[in-house]
Amino acid sequence: MAGLRLIAGLGNPGARYSATRHNAGFMVLDKLVGQLLGAKAVWKEEHSALSLKVRLGDCEALVVKPQSFMNRSGEPIQELLRYYRVEVPNLIVVHDEIDIPFGSLRVKQGGGDGGHNGIRSIVRCLGSVDFVRIRFGVGRPLIPSMEVADWVLEKFSGPEASELERLCQRGAAAVEAVCMEGVLAAQNRFNNAVRNEGAS
C-alpha cells in the first residue's frame, strides 16, 4: 500500500512496566528498530509519543511508542496520523493479546477491541476499526481467580522470558511482512505457524 505507514506498539511508559506482558508491543518495536538501525536509533518525542522513521524495503514507516499509558493510546496515535497525513488502513498496531496462547502471533485487519483497553482507545479516537493488528499472545492467567489487569501488568515468567527474544523477533518479522508483502501474505505466513517455528 502506497504512502507512509504508522507502526504503533502499545505499552505503558516507565521502568516499572518495561518487562510486563502489557508492554509486548513496545518490546516488538524495540526489536524491530534494533535490527534495522542498531545503535543509530534515535527516538524523538512528539505528540505524547516516542517516534522514529525506518524503511522496510520500499515502505517508509514511522515507528511509534505512545507515552500516554495504555488506556489513552488512541490520543497520540490520532494526533500522529493527522500530523503525518497517514490513512487509517496504513496504521499497524502491535499489542498483547490474552485470547492467544503465549508463543503465538496473529495478524488481523479490522474487528472489535476484544476487551483490550489500548485498542478500545484507538477505535474510540479514530472512529474506525480498519487498521491492522499484530496480536502477541500472552495467554490468560494460570490462576482462574486472578484479575486479567493484574496478569498483564506482571512480568513474564522465567520460562516465558527465555523465549521473549525469539518471539519479539518473530513479531518484528510479522510487521515487516505486513509492510512489504501485505496483510494476506502475513496472515498466511504467521497465523497458523507452530509455536516453536523460527522467526524466518
N, C-alpha and C. Protein backbone atom coordinates (compact mmCIF):
# COMPACT_ATOMS: atom_id res chain seq x y z
N MET A 1 0.85 -1.19 0.00
CA MET A 1 0.00 0.00 0.00
C MET A 1 0.89 1.24 0.00
N ALA A 2 0.62 2.18 -0.89
CA ALA A 2 1.45 3.36 -1.04
C ALA A 2 1.29 4.28 0.17
N GLY A 3 2.31 5.15 0.36
CA GLY A 3 2.24 6.14 1.42
C GLY A 3 2.91 5.69 2.69
N LEU A 4 3.12 6.65 3.58
CA LEU A 4 3.76 6.38 4.86
C LEU A 4 2.92 5.46 5.72
N ARG A 5 3.57 4.48 6.33
CA ARG A 5 2.92 3.62 7.32
C ARG A 5 3.19 4.17 8.71
N LEU A 6 2.26 3.98 9.62
CA LEU A 6 2.50 4.28 11.03
C LEU A 6 2.40 2.96 11.78
N ILE A 7 3.48 2.58 12.45
CA ILE A 7 3.55 1.33 13.20
C ILE A 7 3.60 1.67 14.68
N ALA A 8 2.53 1.36 15.40
CA ALA A 8 2.44 1.70 16.82
C ALA A 8 2.52 0.45 17.68
N GLY A 9 3.43 0.44 18.62
CA GLY A 9 3.48 -0.62 19.62
C GLY A 9 2.85 -0.10 20.90
N LEU A 10 2.00 -0.90 21.51
CA LEU A 10 1.30 -0.44 22.71
C LEU A 10 2.01 -0.91 23.97
N GLY A 11 1.93 -0.08 25.01
CA GLY A 11 2.54 -0.41 26.29
C GLY A 11 2.35 0.76 27.25
N ASN A 12 2.98 0.66 28.39
CA ASN A 12 2.98 1.71 29.40
C ASN A 12 4.40 2.23 29.58
N PRO A 13 4.58 3.55 29.69
CA PRO A 13 5.93 4.10 29.85
C PRO A 13 6.49 3.87 31.25
N GLY A 14 7.80 3.88 31.35
CA GLY A 14 8.45 3.80 32.66
C GLY A 14 9.02 2.42 32.96
N ALA A 15 10.08 2.42 33.78
CA ALA A 15 10.79 1.19 34.10
C ALA A 15 9.90 0.17 34.82
N ARG A 16 8.94 0.65 35.58
CA ARG A 16 8.06 -0.24 36.34
C ARG A 16 7.33 -1.24 35.44
N TYR A 17 7.03 -0.82 34.21
CA TYR A 17 6.23 -1.66 33.31
C TYR A 17 7.05 -2.30 32.19
N SER A 18 8.34 -2.06 32.15
CA SER A 18 9.13 -2.36 30.95
C SER A 18 9.11 -3.83 30.55
N ALA A 19 9.07 -4.74 31.50
CA ALA A 19 9.14 -6.17 31.17
C ALA A 19 7.82 -6.89 31.42
N THR A 20 6.72 -6.15 31.45
CA THR A 20 5.42 -6.76 31.72
C THR A 20 4.75 -7.22 30.43
N ARG A 21 3.77 -8.10 30.58
CA ARG A 21 3.06 -8.63 29.40
C ARG A 21 2.38 -7.53 28.59
N HIS A 22 1.87 -6.52 29.27
CA HIS A 22 1.16 -5.44 28.58
C HIS A 22 2.09 -4.63 27.69
N ASN A 23 3.40 -4.77 27.87
CA ASN A 23 4.36 -4.00 27.09
C ASN A 23 4.94 -4.78 25.92
N ALA A 24 4.28 -5.86 25.54
CA ALA A 24 4.77 -6.66 24.42
C ALA A 24 4.90 -5.83 23.14
N GLY A 25 3.98 -4.90 22.93
CA GLY A 25 4.07 -4.05 21.73
C GLY A 25 5.33 -3.23 21.70
N PHE A 26 5.69 -2.63 22.84
CA PHE A 26 6.95 -1.89 22.92
C PHE A 26 8.14 -2.80 22.62
N MET A 27 8.11 -4.01 23.20
CA MET A 27 9.23 -4.94 23.05
C MET A 27 9.44 -5.33 21.59
N VAL A 28 8.35 -5.60 20.89
CA VAL A 28 8.46 -5.97 19.48
C VAL A 28 9.06 -4.82 18.67
N LEU A 29 8.61 -3.59 18.92
CA LEU A 29 9.14 -2.46 18.17
C LEU A 29 10.60 -2.19 18.51
N ASP A 30 10.98 -2.38 19.76
CA ASP A 30 12.39 -2.23 20.12
C ASP A 30 13.25 -3.23 19.36
N LYS A 31 12.74 -4.46 19.22
CA LYS A 31 13.47 -5.48 18.46
C LYS A 31 13.56 -5.08 16.99
N LEU A 32 12.45 -4.64 16.41
CA LEU A 32 12.43 -4.22 15.01
C LEU A 32 13.43 -3.09 14.76
N VAL A 33 13.36 -2.06 15.59
CA VAL A 33 14.24 -0.90 15.42
C VAL A 33 15.70 -1.30 15.64
N GLY A 34 15.94 -2.16 16.63
CA GLY A 34 17.30 -2.62 16.88
C GLY A 34 17.89 -3.35 15.69
N GLN A 35 17.06 -4.17 15.04
CA GLN A 35 17.53 -4.92 13.88
C GLN A 35 17.80 -3.99 12.69
N LEU A 36 16.99 -2.96 12.54
CA LEU A 36 17.12 -2.08 11.39
C LEU A 36 18.18 -1.00 11.56
N LEU A 37 18.27 -0.45 12.76
CA LEU A 37 19.13 0.72 12.98
C LEU A 37 20.25 0.52 13.99
N GLY A 38 20.09 -0.47 14.86
CA GLY A 38 21.11 -0.70 15.88
C GLY A 38 21.35 0.52 16.74
N ALA A 39 22.63 0.84 16.97
CA ALA A 39 22.99 1.96 17.84
C ALA A 39 22.66 3.31 17.20
N LYS A 40 22.30 3.32 15.91
CA LYS A 40 21.98 4.57 15.23
C LYS A 40 20.56 5.05 15.54
N ALA A 41 19.79 4.21 16.22
CA ALA A 41 18.39 4.56 16.51
C ALA A 41 18.33 5.73 17.49
N VAL A 42 17.63 6.78 17.11
CA VAL A 42 17.42 7.93 17.98
C VAL A 42 15.92 8.24 18.00
N TRP A 43 15.29 7.95 19.13
CA TRP A 43 13.86 8.24 19.27
C TRP A 43 13.67 9.71 19.58
N LYS A 44 12.64 10.30 19.02
CA LYS A 44 12.32 11.68 19.36
C LYS A 44 10.93 11.73 20.00
N GLU A 45 10.72 12.74 20.81
CA GLU A 45 9.43 12.92 21.48
C GLU A 45 8.55 13.85 20.65
N GLU A 46 7.35 13.39 20.35
CA GLU A 46 6.38 14.23 19.64
C GLU A 46 4.98 13.71 19.90
N HIS A 47 4.06 14.61 20.09
CA HIS A 47 2.65 14.26 20.26
C HIS A 47 2.45 13.16 21.31
N SER A 48 3.11 13.31 22.46
CA SER A 48 2.99 12.35 23.57
C SER A 48 3.38 10.93 23.16
N ALA A 49 4.41 10.85 22.32
CA ALA A 49 4.90 9.54 21.88
C ALA A 49 6.39 9.63 21.58
N LEU A 50 7.04 8.49 21.54
CA LEU A 50 8.40 8.37 21.03
C LEU A 50 8.29 7.86 19.61
N SER A 51 9.06 8.44 18.68
CA SER A 51 8.93 8.04 17.29
C SER A 51 10.28 8.09 16.58
N LEU A 52 10.36 7.34 15.50
CA LEU A 52 11.48 7.44 14.56
C LEU A 52 11.04 6.83 13.23
N LYS A 53 11.73 7.20 12.17
CA LYS A 53 11.38 6.69 10.84
C LYS A 53 12.34 5.57 10.45
N VAL A 54 11.78 4.56 9.77
CA VAL A 54 12.56 3.44 9.27
C VAL A 54 12.11 3.15 7.84
N ARG A 55 12.89 2.35 7.14
CA ARG A 55 12.50 1.90 5.81
C ARG A 55 12.50 0.37 5.80
N LEU A 56 11.41 -0.20 5.32
CA LEU A 56 11.26 -1.65 5.20
C LEU A 56 11.06 -1.95 3.72
N GLY A 57 12.13 -2.29 3.02
CA GLY A 57 12.04 -2.45 1.58
C GLY A 57 11.67 -1.12 0.95
N ASP A 58 10.57 -1.12 0.19
CA ASP A 58 10.10 0.12 -0.44
C ASP A 58 9.15 0.90 0.47
N CYS A 59 8.93 0.41 1.67
CA CYS A 59 7.95 1.01 2.59
C CYS A 59 8.66 1.92 3.59
N GLU A 60 8.21 3.18 3.66
CA GLU A 60 8.69 4.11 4.68
C GLU A 60 7.70 4.08 5.83
N ALA A 61 8.19 3.99 7.05
CA ALA A 61 7.29 3.86 8.20
C ALA A 61 7.75 4.72 9.37
N LEU A 62 6.77 5.24 10.09
CA LEU A 62 7.02 5.93 11.34
C LEU A 62 6.70 4.95 12.46
N VAL A 63 7.70 4.61 13.24
CA VAL A 63 7.54 3.68 14.36
C VAL A 63 7.25 4.50 15.61
N VAL A 64 6.22 4.11 16.36
CA VAL A 64 5.71 4.95 17.44
C VAL A 64 5.46 4.13 18.70
N LYS A 65 5.88 4.68 19.84
CA LYS A 65 5.54 4.12 21.15
C LYS A 65 4.80 5.20 21.95
N PRO A 66 3.45 5.14 22.01
CA PRO A 66 2.71 6.14 22.78
C PRO A 66 3.18 6.16 24.24
N GLN A 67 3.27 7.36 24.81
CA GLN A 67 3.70 7.52 26.19
C GLN A 67 2.56 7.98 27.09
N SER A 68 1.35 7.75 26.66
CA SER A 68 0.15 8.26 27.35
C SER A 68 -0.50 7.23 28.26
N PHE A 69 0.14 6.08 28.45
CA PHE A 69 -0.40 4.93 29.15
C PHE A 69 -1.46 4.23 28.29
N MET A 70 -1.59 2.93 28.54
CA MET A 70 -2.34 2.05 27.65
C MET A 70 -3.75 2.54 27.34
N ASN A 71 -4.49 2.92 28.39
CA ASN A 71 -5.91 3.23 28.16
C ASN A 71 -6.14 4.56 27.46
N ARG A 72 -5.06 5.28 27.12
CA ARG A 72 -5.18 6.51 26.34
C ARG A 72 -4.29 6.45 25.09
N SER A 73 -4.01 5.26 24.62
CA SER A 73 -3.13 5.08 23.46
C SER A 73 -3.65 5.77 22.21
N GLY A 74 -4.96 5.86 22.09
CA GLY A 74 -5.54 6.40 20.87
C GLY A 74 -5.24 7.87 20.64
N GLU A 75 -5.03 8.63 21.70
CA GLU A 75 -4.87 10.08 21.55
C GLU A 75 -3.60 10.44 20.78
N PRO A 76 -2.40 9.96 21.20
CA PRO A 76 -1.21 10.29 20.41
C PRO A 76 -1.24 9.67 19.03
N ILE A 77 -1.82 8.49 18.89
CA ILE A 77 -1.89 7.86 17.56
C ILE A 77 -2.76 8.70 16.63
N GLN A 78 -3.88 9.18 17.14
CA GLN A 78 -4.75 10.05 16.33
C GLN A 78 -4.01 11.31 15.90
N GLU A 79 -3.28 11.93 16.83
CA GLU A 79 -2.55 13.15 16.52
C GLU A 79 -1.47 12.89 15.47
N LEU A 80 -0.77 11.78 15.59
CA LEU A 80 0.30 11.48 14.65
C LEU A 80 -0.24 11.14 13.26
N LEU A 81 -1.34 10.40 13.21
CA LEU A 81 -1.96 10.11 11.92
C LEU A 81 -2.35 11.41 11.22
N ARG A 82 -2.92 12.33 11.98
CA ARG A 82 -3.34 13.61 11.40
C ARG A 82 -2.12 14.43 10.96
N TYR A 83 -1.11 14.51 11.81
CA TYR A 83 0.06 15.34 11.53
C TYR A 83 0.80 14.84 10.29
N TYR A 84 0.96 13.51 10.18
CA TYR A 84 1.71 12.95 9.05
C TYR A 84 0.81 12.56 7.88
N ARG A 85 -0.48 12.83 8.02
CA ARG A 85 -1.45 12.54 6.95
C ARG A 85 -1.43 11.07 6.55
N VAL A 86 -1.47 10.22 7.54
CA VAL A 86 -1.50 8.77 7.31
C VAL A 86 -2.94 8.28 7.40
N GLU A 87 -3.37 7.52 6.41
CA GLU A 87 -4.73 6.98 6.42
C GLU A 87 -4.82 5.81 7.40
N VAL A 88 -6.00 5.62 7.99
CA VAL A 88 -6.19 4.57 9.00
C VAL A 88 -5.78 3.19 8.50
N PRO A 89 -6.10 2.79 7.25
CA PRO A 89 -5.65 1.45 6.80
C PRO A 89 -4.14 1.28 6.76
N ASN A 90 -3.39 2.39 6.82
CA ASN A 90 -1.92 2.33 6.84
C ASN A 90 -1.36 2.31 8.26
N LEU A 91 -2.23 2.13 9.24
CA LEU A 91 -1.82 2.00 10.64
C LEU A 91 -1.69 0.53 11.01
N ILE A 92 -0.57 0.17 11.62
CA ILE A 92 -0.33 -1.17 12.16
C ILE A 92 -0.14 -1.03 13.66
N VAL A 93 -0.89 -1.79 14.44
CA VAL A 93 -0.80 -1.73 15.90
C VAL A 93 -0.33 -3.08 16.42
N VAL A 94 0.74 -3.09 17.20
CA VAL A 94 1.27 -4.30 17.82
C VAL A 94 0.89 -4.28 19.29
N HIS A 95 0.22 -5.34 19.75
CA HIS A 95 -0.24 -5.33 21.15
C HIS A 95 -0.31 -6.74 21.72
N ASP A 96 -0.34 -6.82 23.04
CA ASP A 96 -0.51 -8.09 23.75
C ASP A 96 -1.94 -8.57 23.59
N GLU A 97 -2.13 -9.89 23.63
CA GLU A 97 -3.47 -10.46 23.44
C GLU A 97 -3.65 -11.67 24.36
N ILE A 98 -4.56 -11.56 25.33
CA ILE A 98 -4.76 -12.65 26.28
C ILE A 98 -5.51 -13.84 25.67
N ASP A 99 -6.24 -13.63 24.58
CA ASP A 99 -7.00 -14.72 23.97
C ASP A 99 -6.18 -15.55 23.00
N ILE A 100 -4.89 -15.28 22.93
CA ILE A 100 -3.97 -16.07 22.11
C ILE A 100 -2.91 -16.65 23.04
N PRO A 101 -2.61 -17.95 22.93
CA PRO A 101 -1.62 -18.56 23.82
C PRO A 101 -0.25 -17.91 23.69
N PHE A 102 0.47 -17.88 24.78
CA PHE A 102 1.84 -17.38 24.74
C PHE A 102 2.63 -18.19 23.71
N GLY A 103 3.40 -17.49 22.89
CA GLY A 103 4.19 -18.16 21.87
C GLY A 103 3.59 -18.08 20.49
N SER A 104 2.35 -17.58 20.38
CA SER A 104 1.69 -17.46 19.07
C SER A 104 1.42 -16.01 18.72
N LEU A 105 1.35 -15.75 17.43
CA LEU A 105 1.03 -14.43 16.89
C LEU A 105 -0.16 -14.54 15.96
N ARG A 106 -0.91 -13.47 15.82
CA ARG A 106 -1.97 -13.41 14.82
C ARG A 106 -1.95 -12.03 14.16
N VAL A 107 -2.08 -12.03 12.85
CA VAL A 107 -2.21 -10.79 12.09
C VAL A 107 -3.67 -10.65 11.70
N LYS A 108 -4.23 -9.47 11.92
CA LYS A 108 -5.65 -9.25 11.71
C LYS A 108 -5.88 -7.83 11.23
N GLN A 109 -6.87 -7.64 10.36
CA GLN A 109 -7.28 -6.29 9.99
C GLN A 109 -8.75 -6.10 10.35
N GLY A 110 -9.03 -5.01 11.08
CA GLY A 110 -10.39 -4.73 11.49
C GLY A 110 -10.82 -5.58 12.67
N GLY A 111 -12.11 -5.50 13.03
CA GLY A 111 -12.65 -6.26 14.14
C GLY A 111 -12.80 -5.41 15.39
N GLY A 112 -13.33 -6.03 16.44
CA GLY A 112 -13.58 -5.33 17.70
C GLY A 112 -12.33 -5.17 18.53
N ASP A 113 -12.53 -4.63 19.75
CA ASP A 113 -11.36 -4.39 20.61
C ASP A 113 -11.02 -5.58 21.50
N GLY A 114 -11.92 -6.58 21.59
CA GLY A 114 -11.64 -7.77 22.37
C GLY A 114 -11.39 -7.50 23.84
N GLY A 115 -11.87 -6.35 24.34
CA GLY A 115 -11.65 -6.01 25.74
C GLY A 115 -10.30 -5.39 26.03
N HIS A 116 -9.51 -5.14 24.99
CA HIS A 116 -8.17 -4.56 25.18
C HIS A 116 -8.30 -3.04 25.28
N ASN A 117 -7.86 -2.49 26.40
CA ASN A 117 -8.06 -1.05 26.64
C ASN A 117 -7.35 -0.16 25.62
N GLY A 118 -6.17 -0.58 25.18
CA GLY A 118 -5.45 0.22 24.20
C GLY A 118 -6.16 0.24 22.85
N ILE A 119 -6.62 -0.92 22.40
CA ILE A 119 -7.34 -0.99 21.13
C ILE A 119 -8.66 -0.23 21.24
N ARG A 120 -9.33 -0.36 22.38
CA ARG A 120 -10.59 0.38 22.59
C ARG A 120 -10.36 1.89 22.46
N SER A 121 -9.28 2.38 23.04
CA SER A 121 -8.96 3.80 22.97
C SER A 121 -8.70 4.24 21.53
N ILE A 122 -7.97 3.40 20.77
CA ILE A 122 -7.67 3.73 19.38
C ILE A 122 -8.95 3.80 18.55
N VAL A 123 -9.81 2.78 18.71
CA VAL A 123 -11.07 2.76 17.96
C VAL A 123 -11.93 3.97 18.30
N ARG A 124 -11.98 4.31 19.59
CA ARG A 124 -12.78 5.45 20.02
C ARG A 124 -12.25 6.76 19.41
N CYS A 125 -10.94 6.93 19.42
CA CYS A 125 -10.36 8.18 18.91
C CYS A 125 -10.45 8.27 17.38
N LEU A 126 -10.25 7.15 16.69
CA LEU A 126 -10.23 7.19 15.24
C LEU A 126 -11.62 7.04 14.64
N GLY A 127 -12.56 6.49 15.40
CA GLY A 127 -13.88 6.24 14.86
C GLY A 127 -13.84 5.20 13.76
N SER A 128 -12.85 4.30 13.82
CA SER A 128 -12.67 3.28 12.79
C SER A 128 -11.97 2.06 13.37
N VAL A 129 -12.28 0.89 12.81
CA VAL A 129 -11.57 -0.34 13.20
C VAL A 129 -10.69 -0.83 12.06
N ASP A 130 -10.59 -0.06 10.99
CA ASP A 130 -9.95 -0.52 9.76
C ASP A 130 -8.44 -0.35 9.78
N PHE A 131 -7.80 -0.85 10.84
CA PHE A 131 -6.35 -0.85 10.91
C PHE A 131 -5.87 -2.27 11.16
N VAL A 132 -4.59 -2.49 10.93
CA VAL A 132 -4.00 -3.82 11.07
C VAL A 132 -3.53 -4.01 12.51
N ARG A 133 -3.78 -5.20 13.04
CA ARG A 133 -3.28 -5.52 14.38
C ARG A 133 -2.34 -6.72 14.28
N ILE A 134 -1.25 -6.65 14.99
CA ILE A 134 -0.36 -7.80 15.18
C ILE A 134 -0.47 -8.15 16.65
N ARG A 135 -1.13 -9.27 16.90
CA ARG A 135 -1.54 -9.65 18.26
C ARG A 135 -0.52 -10.65 18.82
N PHE A 136 0.15 -10.24 19.88
CA PHE A 136 1.22 -11.02 20.51
C PHE A 136 0.60 -11.79 21.67
N GLY A 137 0.52 -13.10 21.54
CA GLY A 137 -0.15 -13.91 22.56
C GLY A 137 0.55 -13.91 23.90
N VAL A 138 -0.20 -13.59 24.95
CA VAL A 138 0.33 -13.70 26.32
C VAL A 138 -0.48 -14.67 27.16
N GLY A 139 -1.58 -15.19 26.59
CA GLY A 139 -2.40 -16.16 27.31
C GLY A 139 -3.17 -15.55 28.46
N ARG A 140 -4.01 -16.37 29.06
CA ARG A 140 -4.81 -15.94 30.20
C ARG A 140 -4.14 -16.33 31.51
N PRO A 141 -4.58 -15.74 32.63
CA PRO A 141 -3.98 -16.07 33.93
C PRO A 141 -4.03 -17.57 34.21
N LEU A 142 -2.95 -18.08 34.78
CA LEU A 142 -2.88 -19.51 35.12
C LEU A 142 -3.80 -19.83 36.29
N ILE A 143 -4.04 -18.83 37.13
CA ILE A 143 -4.97 -18.98 38.26
C ILE A 143 -6.29 -18.33 37.85
N PRO A 144 -7.36 -19.11 37.71
CA PRO A 144 -8.62 -18.56 37.19
C PRO A 144 -9.16 -17.35 37.95
N SER A 145 -8.89 -17.29 39.26
CA SER A 145 -9.41 -16.18 40.06
C SER A 145 -8.62 -14.89 39.91
N MET A 146 -7.48 -14.96 39.21
CA MET A 146 -6.63 -13.78 39.06
C MET A 146 -7.26 -12.80 38.08
N GLU A 147 -7.24 -11.51 38.42
CA GLU A 147 -7.75 -10.48 37.53
C GLU A 147 -6.85 -10.33 36.31
N VAL A 148 -7.47 -10.18 35.15
CA VAL A 148 -6.71 -10.01 33.92
C VAL A 148 -5.80 -8.79 34.00
N ALA A 149 -6.30 -7.70 34.61
CA ALA A 149 -5.50 -6.48 34.73
C ALA A 149 -4.21 -6.73 35.51
N ASP A 150 -4.29 -7.57 36.53
CA ASP A 150 -3.08 -7.90 37.31
C ASP A 150 -2.15 -8.78 36.49
N TRP A 151 -2.72 -9.70 35.74
CA TRP A 151 -1.93 -10.63 34.92
C TRP A 151 -1.09 -9.89 33.88
N VAL A 152 -1.70 -8.98 33.14
CA VAL A 152 -0.96 -8.32 32.07
C VAL A 152 0.06 -7.31 32.60
N LEU A 153 -0.12 -6.87 33.85
CA LEU A 153 0.85 -5.94 34.43
C LEU A 153 1.95 -6.65 35.22
N GLU A 154 1.94 -7.99 35.17
CA GLU A 154 3.02 -8.76 35.75
C GLU A 154 4.12 -8.98 34.73
N LYS A 155 5.34 -9.19 35.23
CA LYS A 155 6.45 -9.52 34.34
C LYS A 155 6.26 -10.93 33.79
N PHE A 156 6.83 -11.19 32.63
CA PHE A 156 6.79 -12.53 32.06
C PHE A 156 7.49 -13.50 33.02
N SER A 157 6.99 -14.71 33.09
CA SER A 157 7.60 -15.74 33.95
C SER A 157 8.98 -16.10 33.42
N GLY A 158 9.74 -16.82 34.23
CA GLY A 158 11.08 -17.24 33.81
C GLY A 158 11.09 -18.01 32.50
N PRO A 159 10.28 -19.07 32.38
CA PRO A 159 10.25 -19.81 31.10
C PRO A 159 9.80 -18.94 29.93
N GLU A 160 8.83 -18.04 30.17
CA GLU A 160 8.39 -17.14 29.11
C GLU A 160 9.51 -16.18 28.71
N ALA A 161 10.18 -15.63 29.71
CA ALA A 161 11.24 -14.66 29.46
C ALA A 161 12.35 -15.25 28.59
N SER A 162 12.60 -16.55 28.76
CA SER A 162 13.65 -17.20 27.97
C SER A 162 13.29 -17.28 26.49
N GLU A 163 12.01 -17.16 26.16
CA GLU A 163 11.56 -17.22 24.77
C GLU A 163 11.30 -15.84 24.16
N LEU A 164 11.36 -14.80 24.98
CA LEU A 164 10.92 -13.48 24.53
C LEU A 164 11.71 -12.94 23.35
N GLU A 165 13.01 -13.10 23.36
CA GLU A 165 13.81 -12.54 22.28
C GLU A 165 13.39 -13.14 20.94
N ARG A 166 13.22 -14.46 20.90
CA ARG A 166 12.80 -15.12 19.67
C ARG A 166 11.41 -14.67 19.25
N LEU A 167 10.50 -14.55 20.20
CA LEU A 167 9.13 -14.18 19.87
C LEU A 167 9.03 -12.72 19.44
N CYS A 168 9.81 -11.85 20.07
CA CYS A 168 9.83 -10.46 19.63
C CYS A 168 10.42 -10.34 18.23
N GLN A 169 11.41 -11.16 17.94
CA GLN A 169 11.97 -11.18 16.60
C GLN A 169 10.91 -11.64 15.60
N ARG A 170 10.12 -12.61 15.99
CA ARG A 170 9.04 -13.08 15.12
C ARG A 170 7.98 -11.99 14.94
N GLY A 171 7.67 -11.26 16.01
CA GLY A 171 6.75 -10.14 15.90
C GLY A 171 7.27 -9.08 14.95
N ALA A 172 8.56 -8.78 15.04
CA ALA A 172 9.18 -7.81 14.13
C ALA A 172 9.09 -8.29 12.69
N ALA A 173 9.28 -9.61 12.48
CA ALA A 173 9.17 -10.16 11.13
C ALA A 173 7.74 -10.04 10.60
N ALA A 174 6.76 -10.16 11.49
CA ALA A 174 5.36 -10.00 11.07
C ALA A 174 5.08 -8.57 10.64
N VAL A 175 5.64 -7.60 11.36
CA VAL A 175 5.49 -6.20 10.97
C VAL A 175 6.09 -5.99 9.58
N GLU A 176 7.28 -6.51 9.37
CA GLU A 176 7.94 -6.36 8.07
C GLU A 176 7.12 -7.00 6.97
N ALA A 177 6.54 -8.17 7.26
CA ALA A 177 5.75 -8.88 6.25
C ALA A 177 4.52 -8.08 5.85
N VAL A 178 3.84 -7.48 6.82
CA VAL A 178 2.66 -6.66 6.50
C VAL A 178 3.06 -5.50 5.60
N CYS A 179 4.16 -4.84 5.93
CA CYS A 179 4.59 -3.68 5.15
C CYS A 179 5.07 -4.06 3.75
N MET A 180 5.79 -5.15 3.65
CA MET A 180 6.47 -5.48 2.39
C MET A 180 5.69 -6.45 1.51
N GLU A 181 4.83 -7.29 2.13
CA GLU A 181 4.13 -8.32 1.37
C GLU A 181 2.61 -8.17 1.40
N GLY A 182 2.10 -7.41 2.38
CA GLY A 182 0.65 -7.24 2.50
C GLY A 182 0.07 -8.08 3.62
N VAL A 183 -1.15 -7.72 4.03
CA VAL A 183 -1.79 -8.36 5.17
C VAL A 183 -2.06 -9.84 4.92
N LEU A 184 -2.60 -10.17 3.76
CA LEU A 184 -2.95 -11.57 3.48
C LEU A 184 -1.73 -12.47 3.50
N ALA A 185 -0.66 -12.03 2.88
CA ALA A 185 0.57 -12.82 2.89
C ALA A 185 1.10 -13.00 4.31
N ALA A 186 1.02 -11.93 5.11
CA ALA A 186 1.48 -12.02 6.50
C ALA A 186 0.61 -12.98 7.30
N GLN A 187 -0.70 -12.95 7.07
CA GLN A 187 -1.59 -13.89 7.75
C GLN A 187 -1.25 -15.32 7.38
N ASN A 188 -1.04 -15.58 6.11
CA ASN A 188 -0.72 -16.93 5.67
C ASN A 188 0.59 -17.43 6.27
N ARG A 189 1.49 -16.51 6.48
CA ARG A 189 2.81 -16.89 6.99
C ARG A 189 2.83 -17.08 8.50
N PHE A 190 2.08 -16.25 9.23
CA PHE A 190 2.22 -16.24 10.68
C PHE A 190 1.04 -16.82 11.46
N ASN A 191 -0.17 -16.73 10.94
CA ASN A 191 -1.34 -17.07 11.77
C ASN A 191 -1.46 -18.54 12.11
N ASN A 192 -0.95 -19.41 11.27
CA ASN A 192 -1.06 -20.85 11.53
C ASN A 192 0.28 -21.48 11.86
N ALA A 193 1.26 -20.64 12.16
CA ALA A 193 2.60 -21.14 12.45
C ALA A 193 2.63 -21.87 13.79
N VAL A 194 3.42 -22.91 13.87
CA VAL A 194 3.57 -23.63 15.13
C VAL A 194 4.39 -22.79 16.08
N ARG A 195 4.21 -23.04 17.36
CA ARG A 195 4.80 -22.19 18.39
C ARG A 195 6.31 -22.10 18.30
N ASN A 196 6.98 -23.20 18.05
CA ASN A 196 8.44 -23.16 18.11
C ASN A 196 9.09 -23.08 16.74
N GLU A 197 8.33 -22.59 15.75
CA GLU A 197 8.93 -22.32 14.45
C GLU A 197 9.83 -21.12 14.55
N GLY A 198 10.87 -21.06 13.78
CA GLY A 198 11.81 -19.95 13.82
C GLY A 198 11.18 -18.67 13.31
N ALA A 199 11.91 -17.58 13.42
CA ALA A 199 11.38 -16.27 13.06
C ALA A 199 11.39 -16.01 11.56
N SER A 200 12.07 -16.83 10.80
CA SER A 200 12.16 -16.58 9.37
C SER A 200 10.93 -17.06 8.64
